[in-house]
Amino acid sequence: MIKRFIQLIRGQFSRQSPPQLSQPISSHTPHTTHTEPAYTSNSVTYAVSRAEIVSQLNHTLQQPSSPDRFSHFNYQQSSRKEAPASHADTIAALADAAFLYERQRRYGEAERLYKQVLMLRQQRFGSQQICVAESLSELAALYRFQQRYDEAHPLLQQALKIRQQQLTNRHLEIGINLHHLADTYCHLRLYGKAEPLFQQALVILRQQLGSDHPKTQLVYSGLMQMLATAIESGRFDELTTKLPPLDLNPPK
């Protein structure tokens, strides 16, 4: 029966391939879900609009052989002062550049900028802001894509802690964070740690998105894959989930 259970899971739930990184981002819908905390100053004027920056970055993305224009940004001198590196719009532009580096598979450069954005956000806004959790998650996503799971999981743990402090318990972002951390633990073969996070993520996503939503189905698929892997590796006893009390053998 266990063998049949594994076969059913393997046949029904297959891991999805990583998303393709080919579509330019929109200046109206940046890749992050939150803007930086409000910041105004009579002594600073941001001279280049966010839309213009994203437009230029997308133009560069379409010309991978062109000279590098991501390593610095030429903000025009205004009548007052040039925007400092800690300005919210400057940080957001650097985050966009890191994202586009990642899409070009220039992972070393993307990592450098993601770390810079994380540091600037921590310095400018404090270590417990949602925008810091986003930076942690973005850097962790880069590590996960490169299968650097040992480096990804502490970042996801830290991001989850911030979100749990700042958001409601059933917030969608917490559910997604839980899923990413569970999947990371699964790749590290820490099934006992992965399973309760999968379960918590599934509860939140079912509540917020519904059982038929693709994201909910992805979490459910990940949980089923983990159960099958744990059975095959002889480590099912690490989990709290019980085999379903069903005869999974096909009828004769």
C-alpha atoms as a PDB file:
ATOM      1  CA  MET A   1       0.000   0.000   0.000  1.00  0.00           C
ATOM      2  CA  ILE A   2       2.845   2.389   0.817  1.00  0.00           C
ATOM      3  CA  LYS A   3       4.438   1.770  -2.574  1.00  0.00           C
ATOM      4  CA  ARG A   4       1.137   2.520  -4.294  1.00  0.00           C
ATOM      5  CA  PHE A   5       0.767   5.687  -2.169  1.00  0.00           C
ATOM      6  CA  ILE A   6       4.160   6.917  -3.363  1.00  0.00           C
ATOM      7  CA  GLN A   7       3.339   6.120  -6.996  1.00  0.00           C
ATOM      8  CA  LEU A   8       0.095   8.079  -6.774  1.00  0.00           C
ATOM      9  CA  ILE A   9       1.830  11.083  -5.254  1.00  0.00           C
ATOM     10  CA  ARG A  10       4.670  11.025  -7.773  1.00  0.00           C
ATOM     11  CA  GLY A  11       2.218  10.822 -10.642  1.00  0.00           C
ATOM     12  CA  GLN A  12      -0.156  13.521  -9.450  1.00  0.00           C
ATOM     13  CA  PHE A  13       2.180  16.059  -7.884  1.00  0.00           C
ATOM     14  CA  SER A  14       5.340  17.031  -9.718  1.00  0.00           C
ATOM     15  CA  ARG A  15       7.550  19.961  -8.772  1.00  0.00           C
ATOM     16  CA  GLN A  16       7.114  22.926 -11.061  1.00  0.00           C
ATOM     17  CA  SER A  17      10.117  24.256 -12.934  1.00  0.00           C
ATOM     18  CA  PRO A  18      11.524  27.648 -11.869  1.00  0.00           C
ATOM     19  CA  PRO A  19       9.689  30.609 -13.388  1.00  0.00           C
ATOM     20  CA  GLN A  20      11.127  32.034 -16.568  1.00  0.00           C
ATOM     21  CA  LEU A  21      12.882  35.341 -16.140  1.00  0.00           C
ATOM     22  CA  SER A  22      12.118  36.912 -19.480  1.00  0.00           C
ATOM     23  CA  GLN A  23       9.374  39.516 -19.005  1.00  0.00           C
ATOM     24  CA  PRO A  24      10.352  43.114 -18.225  1.00  0.00           C
ATOM     25  CA  ILE A  25       8.937  44.537 -15.059  1.00  0.00           C
ATOM     26  CA  SER A  26       6.522  47.410 -15.109  1.00  0.00           C
ATOM     27  CA  SER A  27       7.262  50.772 -13.606  1.00  0.00           C
ATOM     28  CA  HIS A  28       3.719  50.713 -12.253  1.00  0.00           C
ATOM     29  CA  THR A  29       4.058  47.305 -10.554  1.00  0.00           C
ATOM     30  CA  PRO A  30       7.567  46.883  -9.155  1.00  0.00           C
ATOM     31  CA  HIS A  31       8.651  43.396  -8.096  1.00  0.00           C
ATOM     32  CA  THR A  32       8.372  44.201  -4.398  1.00  0.00           C
ATOM     33  CA  THR A  33       4.947  44.300  -2.771  1.00  0.00           C
ATOM     34  CA  HIS A  34       5.696  47.140  -0.368  1.00  0.00           C
ATOM     35  CA  THR A  35       7.155  50.575  -0.863  1.00  0.00           C
ATOM     36  CA  GLU A  36       9.772  51.985   1.451  1.00  0.00           C
ATOM     37  CA  PRO A  37       8.484  53.788   4.584  1.00  0.00           C
ATOM     38  CA  ALA A  38       7.613  57.390   3.835  1.00  0.00           C
ATOM     39  CA  TYR A  39      10.565  59.783   3.862  1.00  0.00           C
ATOM     40  CA  THR A  40      10.517  63.468   3.052  1.00  0.00           C
ATOM     41  CA  SER A  41      13.100  66.172   3.483  1.00  0.00           C
ATOM     42  CA  ASN A  42      13.271  69.800   2.515  1.00  0.00           C
ATOM     43  CA  SER A  43      16.976  69.387   1.765  1.00  0.00           C
ATOM     44  CA  VAL A  44      16.707  66.493  -0.708  1.00  0.00           C
ATOM     45  CA  THR A  45      15.123  66.288  -4.121  1.00  0.00           C
ATOM     46  CA  TYR A  46      15.031  63.014  -6.059  1.00  0.00           C
ATOM     47  CA  ALA A  47      15.871  64.099  -9.593  1.00  0.00           C
ATOM     48  CA  VAL A  48      15.016  60.951 -11.585  1.00  0.00           C
ATOM     49  CA  SER A  49      11.579  59.356 -11.427  1.00  0.00           C
ATOM     50  CA  ARG A  50      11.133  55.684 -10.526  1.00  0.00           C
ATOM     51  CA  ALA A  51       9.380  55.062 -13.834  1.00  0.00           C
ATOM     52  CA  GLU A  52      12.331  56.484 -15.784  1.00  0.00           C
ATOM     53  CA  ILE A  53      14.807  54.318 -13.877  1.00  0.00           C
ATOM     54  CA  VAL A  54      12.817  51.125 -14.475  1.00  0.00           C
ATOM     55  CA  SER A  55      12.397  52.035 -18.138  1.00  0.00           C
ATOM     56  CA  GLN A  56      16.158  52.409 -18.537  1.00  0.00           C
ATOM     57  CA  LEU A  57      16.832  49.162 -16.687  1.00  0.00           C
ATOM     58  CA  ASN A  58      14.403  47.271 -18.925  1.00  0.00           C
ATOM     59  CA  HIS A  59      16.075  48.782 -21.975  1.00  0.00           C
ATOM     60  CA  THR A  60      19.414  47.485 -20.748  1.00  0.00           C
ATOM     61  CA  LEU A  61      17.914  44.064 -20.060  1.00  0.00           C
ATOM     62  CA  GLN A  62      16.965  43.766 -23.716  1.00  0.00           C
ATOM     63  CA  GLN A  63      20.591  44.491 -24.690  1.00  0.00           C
ATOM     64  CA  PRO A  64      22.705  42.068 -22.613  1.00  0.00           C
ATOM     65  CA  SER A  65      25.817  42.823 -24.630  1.00  0.00           C
ATOM     66  CA  SER A  66      25.634  46.552 -23.961  1.00  0.00           C
ATOM     67  CA  PRO A  67      27.989  48.236 -21.465  1.00  0.00           C
ATOM     68  CA  ASP A  68      27.092  47.741 -17.832  1.00  0.00           C
ATOM     69  CA  ARG A  69      24.762  50.429 -16.552  1.00  0.00           C
ATOM     70  CA  PHE A  70      23.570  48.733 -13.394  1.00  0.00           C
ATOM     71  CA  SER A  71      26.589  49.166 -11.141  1.00  0.00           C
ATOM     72  CA  HIS A  72      25.847  52.844 -10.565  1.00  0.00           C
ATOM     73  CA  PHE A  73      23.010  55.310 -11.185  1.00  0.00           C
ATOM     74  CA  ASN A  74      23.647  58.784 -12.566  1.00  0.00           C
ATOM     75  CA  TYR A  75      21.127  60.822 -10.654  1.00  0.00           C
ATOM     76  CA  GLN A  76      21.090  64.313 -12.096  1.00  0.00           C
ATOM     77  CA  GLN A  77      22.087  67.186  -9.861  1.00  0.00           C
ATOM     78  CA  SER A  78      19.017  69.119  -8.767  1.00  0.00           C
ATOM     79  CA  SER A  79      18.819  72.714  -7.665  1.00  0.00           C
ATOM     80  CA  ARG A  80      19.250  71.481  -4.077  1.00  0.00           C
ATOM     81  CA  LYS A  81      21.120  68.260  -3.357  1.00  0.00           C
ATOM     82  CA  GLU A  82      21.645  64.905  -5.036  1.00  0.00           C
ATOM     83  CA  ALA A  83      19.671  62.045  -3.510  1.00  0.00           C
ATOM     84  CA  PRO A  84      21.798  60.220  -0.910  1.00  0.00           C
ATOM     85  CA  ALA A  85      22.349  56.463  -1.019  1.00  0.00           C
ATOM     86  CA  SER A  86      19.933  56.003   1.904  1.00  0.00           C
ATOM     87  CA  HIS A  87      17.044  57.773   0.142  1.00  0.00           C
ATOM     88  CA  ALA A  88      14.000  55.502  -0.168  1.00  0.00           C
ATOM     89  CA  ASP A  89      13.724  55.853  -3.958  1.00  0.00           C
ATOM     90  CA  THR A  90      17.425  55.195  -4.403  1.00  0.00           C
ATOM     91  CA  ILE A  91      17.158  51.993  -2.368  1.00  0.00           C
ATOM     92  CA  ALA A  92      14.115  50.895  -4.383  1.00  0.00           C
ATOM     93  CA  ALA A  93      15.989  51.527  -7.645  1.00  0.00           C
ATOM     94  CA  LEU A  94      18.922  49.434  -6.431  1.00  0.00           C
ATOM     95  CA  ALA A  95      16.469  46.638  -5.560  1.00  0.00           C
ATOM     96  CA  ASP A  96      15.083  46.785  -9.102  1.00  0.00           C
ATOM     97  CA  ALA A  97      18.601  46.622 -10.512  1.00  0.00           C
ATOM     98  CA  ALA A  98      19.381  43.552  -8.374  1.00  0.00           C
ATOM     99  CA  PHE A  99      16.214  41.881  -9.621  1.00  0.00           C
ATOM    100  CA  LEU A 100      17.122  42.561 -13.235  1.00  0.00           C
ATOM    101  CA  TYR A 101      20.665  41.291 -12.670  1.00  0.00           C
ATOM    102  CA  GLU A 102      19.115  38.071 -11.386  1.00  0.00           C
ATOM    103  CA  ARG A 103      16.946  37.787 -14.470  1.00  0.00           C
ATOM    104  CA  GLN A 104      20.057  38.103 -16.602  1.00  0.00           C
ATOM    105  CA  ARG A 105      21.581  35.247 -14.591  1.00  0.00           C
ATOM    106  CA  ARG A 106      24.296  37.567 -13.298  1.00  0.00           C
ATOM    107  CA  TYR A 107      23.959  36.083  -9.861  1.00  0.00           C
ATOM    108  CA  GLY A 108      27.134  37.425  -8.282  1.00  0.00           C
ATOM    109  CA  GLU A 109      26.212  40.999  -9.147  1.00  0.00           C
ATOM    110  CA  ALA A 110      22.608  40.438  -8.056  1.00  0.00           C
ATOM    111  CA  GLU A 111      23.769  39.081  -4.701  1.00  0.00           C
ATOM    112  CA  ARG A 112      26.020  42.099  -4.150  1.00  0.00           C
ATOM    113  CA  LEU A 113      23.165  44.536  -4.777  1.00  0.00           C
ATOM    114  CA  TYR A 114      20.626  42.555  -2.723  1.00  0.00           C
ATOM    115  CA  LYS A 115      23.044  42.655   0.220  1.00  0.00           C
ATOM    116  CA  GLN A 116      23.564  46.383  -0.291  1.00  0.00           C
ATOM    117  CA  VAL A 117      19.814  47.023  -0.334  1.00  0.00           C
ATOM    118  CA  LEU A 118      19.381  44.934   2.821  1.00  0.00           C
ATOM    119  CA  MET A 119      22.076  46.901   4.614  1.00  0.00           C
ATOM    120  CA  LEU A 120      20.666  50.260   3.520  1.00  0.00           C
ATOM    121  CA  ARG A 121      17.137  49.357   4.567  1.00  0.00           C
ATOM    122  CA  GLN A 122      18.321  48.185   7.958  1.00  0.00           C
ATOM    123  CA  GLN A 123      20.316  51.376   8.468  1.00  0.00           C
ATOM    124  CA  ARG A 124      17.608  53.723   7.197  1.00  0.00           C
ATOM    125  CA  PHE A 125      14.417  52.133   8.524  1.00  0.00           C
ATOM    126  CA  GLY A 126      15.462  49.740  11.299  1.00  0.00           C
ATOM    127  CA  SER A 127      15.821  45.961  11.372  1.00  0.00           C
ATOM    128  CA  GLN A 128      12.164  45.111  12.074  1.00  0.00           C
ATOM    129  CA  GLN A 129      10.455  46.719   9.066  1.00  0.00           C
ATOM    130  CA  ILE A 130       8.543  44.782   6.410  1.00  0.00           C
ATOM    131  CA  CYS A 131      10.840  46.150   3.698  1.00  0.00           C
ATOM    132  CA  VAL A 132      13.752  44.459   5.522  1.00  0.00           C
ATOM    133  CA  ALA A 133      11.821  41.164   5.489  1.00  0.00           C
ATOM    134  CA  GLU A 134      11.373  41.618   1.735  1.00  0.00           C
ATOM    135  CA  SER A 135      15.115  42.086   1.252  1.00  0.00           C
ATOM    136  CA  LEU A 136      15.825  38.978   3.311  1.00  0.00           C
ATOM    137  CA  SER A 137      13.324  36.994   1.243  1.00  0.00           C
ATOM    138  CA  GLU A 138      14.735  38.269  -2.053  1.00  0.00           C
ATOM    139  CA  LEU A 139      18.278  37.307  -1.109  1.00  0.00           C
ATOM    140  CA  ALA A 140      17.030  33.937   0.150  1.00  0.00           C
ATOM    141  CA  ALA A 141      15.186  33.375  -3.140  1.00  0.00           C
ATOM    142  CA  LEU A 142      18.432  33.944  -5.028  1.00  0.00           C
ATOM    143  CA  TYR A 143      20.219  31.433  -2.793  1.00  0.00           C
ATOM    144  CA  ARG A 144      17.414  28.886  -3.185  1.00  0.00           C
ATOM    145  CA  PHE A 145      17.547  29.211  -6.967  1.00  0.00           C
ATOM    146  CA  GLN A 146      21.266  28.436  -6.744  1.00  0.00           C
ATOM    147  CA  GLN A 147      20.566  25.535  -4.359  1.00  0.00           C
ATOM    148  CA  ARG A 148      22.393  27.313  -1.527  1.00  0.00           C
ATOM    149  CA  TYR A 149      19.835  26.161   1.003  1.00  0.00           C
ATOM    150  CA  ASP A 150      22.117  26.378   4.050  1.00  0.00           C
ATOM    151  CA  GLU A 151      22.464  30.108   3.398  1.00  0.00           C
ATOM    152  CA  ALA A 152      18.798  30.637   2.537  1.00  0.00           C
ATOM    153  CA  HIS A 153      17.092  29.155   5.583  1.00  0.00           C
ATOM    154  CA  PRO A 154      18.397  31.580   8.260  1.00  0.00           C
ATOM    155  CA  LEU A 155      17.342  34.521   6.071  1.00  0.00           C
ATOM    156  CA  LEU A 156      13.852  33.069   5.691  1.00  0.00           C
ATOM    157  CA  GLN A 157      13.657  32.451   9.439  1.00  0.00           C
ATOM    158  CA  GLN A 158      14.551  36.070  10.119  1.00  0.00           C
ATOM    159  CA  ALA A 159      12.062  37.342   7.517  1.00  0.00           C
ATOM    160  CA  LEU A 160       9.320  35.161   9.014  1.00  0.00           C
ATOM    161  CA  LYS A 161      10.004  36.501  12.507  1.00  0.00           C
ATOM    162  CA  ILE A 162       9.664  40.096  11.270  1.00  0.00           C
ATOM    163  CA  ARG A 163       6.436  39.370   9.406  1.00  0.00           C
ATOM    164  CA  GLN A 164       4.923  37.581  12.379  1.00  0.00           C
ATOM    165  CA  GLN A 165       5.674  40.623  14.520  1.00  0.00           C
ATOM    166  CA  GLN A 166       4.373  43.188  12.033  1.00  0.00           C
ATOM    167  CA  LEU A 167       1.455  41.417  10.323  1.00  0.00           C
ATOM    168  CA  THR A 168      -1.641  39.518  11.377  1.00  0.00           C
ATOM    169  CA  ASN A 169      -1.278  35.775  11.966  1.00  0.00           C
ATOM    170  CA  ARG A 170      -3.222  34.832   8.826  1.00  0.00           C
ATOM    171  CA  HIS A 171      -1.563  37.323   6.481  1.00  0.00           C
ATOM    172  CA  LEU A 172      -0.809  35.962   3.018  1.00  0.00           C
ATOM    173  CA  GLU A 173       2.841  37.024   3.178  1.00  0.00           C
ATOM    174  CA  ILE A 174       3.323  34.884   6.279  1.00  0.00           C
ATOM    175  CA  GLY A 175       1.849  31.907   4.456  1.00  0.00           C
ATOM    176  CA  ILE A 176       4.184  32.368   1.497  1.00  0.00           C
ATOM    177  CA  ASN A 177       7.178  32.819   3.802  1.00  0.00           C
ATOM    178  CA  LEU A 178       6.246  29.614   5.646  1.00  0.00           C
ATOM    179  CA  HIS A 179       6.038  27.741   2.351  1.00  0.00           C
ATOM    180  CA  HIS A 180       9.454  28.923   1.184  1.00  0.00           C
ATOM    181  CA  LEU A 181      11.024  27.987   4.503  1.00  0.00           C
ATOM    182  CA  ALA A 182       9.318  24.585   4.468  1.00  0.00           C
ATOM    183  CA  ASP A 183      10.535  23.896   0.941  1.00  0.00           C
ATOM    184  CA  THR A 184      14.063  24.913   1.960  1.00  0.00           C
ATOM    185  CA  TYR A 185      14.006  22.529   4.920  1.00  0.00           C
ATOM    186  CA  CYS A 186      12.739  19.825   2.596  1.00  0.00           C
ATOM    187  CA  HIS A 187      15.761  20.290   0.325  1.00  0.00           C
ATOM    188  CA  LEU A 188      17.965  20.082   3.408  1.00  0.00           C
ATOM    189  CA  ARG A 189      16.185  16.787   4.245  1.00  0.00           C
ATOM    190  CA  LEU A 190      14.935  18.222   7.528  1.00  0.00           C
ATOM    191  CA  TYR A 191      11.494  16.733   7.065  1.00  0.00           C
ATOM    192  CA  GLY A 192      10.495  17.049  10.711  1.00  0.00           C
ATOM    193  CA  LYS A 193      10.979  20.824  10.493  1.00  0.00           C
ATOM    194  CA  ALA A 194       9.434  21.145   7.034  1.00  0.00           C
ATOM    195  CA  GLU A 195       6.162  19.340   7.704  1.00  0.00           C
ATOM    196  CA  PRO A 196       4.546  21.694  10.273  1.00  0.00           C
ATOM    197  CA  LEU A 197       5.522  24.715   8.165  1.00  0.00           C
ATOM    198  CA  PHE A 198       3.865  23.173   5.098  1.00  0.00           C
ATOM    199  CA  GLN A 199       0.759  22.551   7.186  1.00  0.00           C
ATOM    200  CA  GLN A 200       0.682  26.115   8.569  1.00  0.00           C
ATOM    201  CA  ALA A 201       1.211  27.595   5.102  1.00  0.00           C
ATOM    202  CA  LEU A 202      -1.565  25.451   3.687  1.00  0.00           C
ATOM    203  CA  VAL A 203      -4.033  26.638   6.335  1.00  0.00           C
ATOM    204  CA  ILE A 204      -3.282  30.298   5.577  1.00  0.00           C
ATOM    205  CA  LEU A 205      -3.365  29.983   1.798  1.00  0.00           C
ATOM    206  CA  ARG A 206      -6.595  28.000   1.845  1.00  0.00           C
ATOM    207  CA  GLN A 207      -8.142  30.696   4.005  1.00  0.00           C
ATOM    208  CA  GLN A 208      -6.821  33.652   2.006  1.00  0.00           C
ATOM    209  CA  LEU A 209      -6.859  32.298  -1.559  1.00  0.00           C
ATOM    210  CA  GLY A 210      -9.053  29.205  -1.540  1.00  0.00           C
ATOM    211  CA  SER A 211      -8.197  25.553  -2.047  1.00  0.00           C
ATOM    212  CA  ASP A 212      -8.194  25.754  -5.847  1.00  0.00           C
ATOM    213  CA  HIS A 213      -5.772  28.661  -6.163  1.00  0.00           C
ATOM    214  CA  PRO A 214      -2.481  27.747  -7.929  1.00  0.00           C
ATOM    215  CA  LYS A 215      -0.393  28.914  -4.963  1.00  0.00           C
ATOM    216  CA  THR A 216      -2.437  26.787  -2.582  1.00  0.00           C
ATOM    217  CA  GLN A 217      -2.104  23.802  -4.890  1.00  0.00           C
ATOM    218  CA  LEU A 218       1.667  24.365  -5.056  1.00  0.00           C
ATOM    219  CA  VAL A 219       1.944  24.164  -1.266  1.00  0.00           C
ATOM    220  CA  TYR A 220      -0.223  21.032  -1.189  1.00  0.00           C
ATOM    221  CA  SER A 221       1.907  19.487  -3.932  1.00  0.00           C
ATOM    222  CA  GLY A 222       5.062  20.264  -1.958  1.00  0.00           C
ATOM    223  CA  LEU A 223       3.633  18.615   1.147  1.00  0.00           C
ATOM    224  CA  MET A 224       2.681  15.482  -0.785  1.00  0.00           C
ATOM    225  CA  GLN A 225       6.102  15.313  -2.422  1.00  0.00           C
ATOM    226  CA  MET A 226       7.763  15.607   0.967  1.00  0.00           C
ATOM    227  CA  LEU A 227       5.662  12.771   2.386  1.00  0.00           C
ATOM    228  CA  ALA A 228       6.613  10.536  -0.528  1.00  0.00           C
ATOM    229  CA  THR A 229      10.295  11.419  -0.184  1.00  0.00           C
ATOM    230  CA  ALA A 230      10.233  10.765   3.561  1.00  0.00           C
ATOM    231  CA  ILE A 231       8.655   7.346   3.001  1.00  0.00           C
ATOM    232  CA  GLU A 232      11.158   6.395   0.310  1.00  0.00           C
ATOM    233  CA  SER A 233      14.106   7.430   2.479  1.00  0.00           C
ATOM    234  CA  GLY A 234      12.801   5.548   5.507  1.00  0.00           C
ATOM    235  CA  ARG A 235      12.348   8.720   7.568  1.00  0.00           C
ATOM    236  CA  PHE A 236       8.575   8.874   7.775  1.00  0.00           C
ATOM    237  CA  ASP A 237       8.747   8.386  11.544  1.00  0.00           C
ATOM    238  CA  GLU A 238      10.144  11.947  11.832  1.00  0.00           C
ATOM    239  CA  LEU A 239       6.777  13.326  10.779  1.00  0.00           C
ATOM    240  CA  THR A 240       3.498  13.685  12.611  1.00  0.00           C
ATOM    241  CA  THR A 241       1.383  12.985   9.515  1.00  0.00           C
ATOM    242  CA  LYS A 242      -0.186   9.538   9.403  1.00  0.00           C
ATOM    243  CA  LEU A 243      -0.736   7.490   6.283  1.00  0.00           C
ATOM    244  CA  PRO A 244      -4.324   7.894   5.094  1.00  0.00           C
ATOM    245  CA  PRO A 245      -6.535   5.008   6.249  1.00  0.00           C
ATOM    246  CA  LEU A 246      -7.420   4.138   2.670  1.00  0.00           C
ATOM    247  CA  ASP A 247      -6.787   1.152   0.433  1.00  0.00           C
ATOM    248  CA  LEU A 248      -4.843   2.863  -2.342  1.00  0.00           C
ATOM    249  CA  ASN A 249      -4.461  -0.293  -4.410  1.00  0.00           C
ATOM    250  CA  PRO A 250      -6.435  -0.081  -7.657  1.00  0.00           C
ATOM    251  CA  PRO A 251      -9.593  -2.156  -7.737  1.00  0.00           C
ATOM    252  CA  LYS A 252      -9.329  -5.513  -9.515  1.00  0.00           C
END
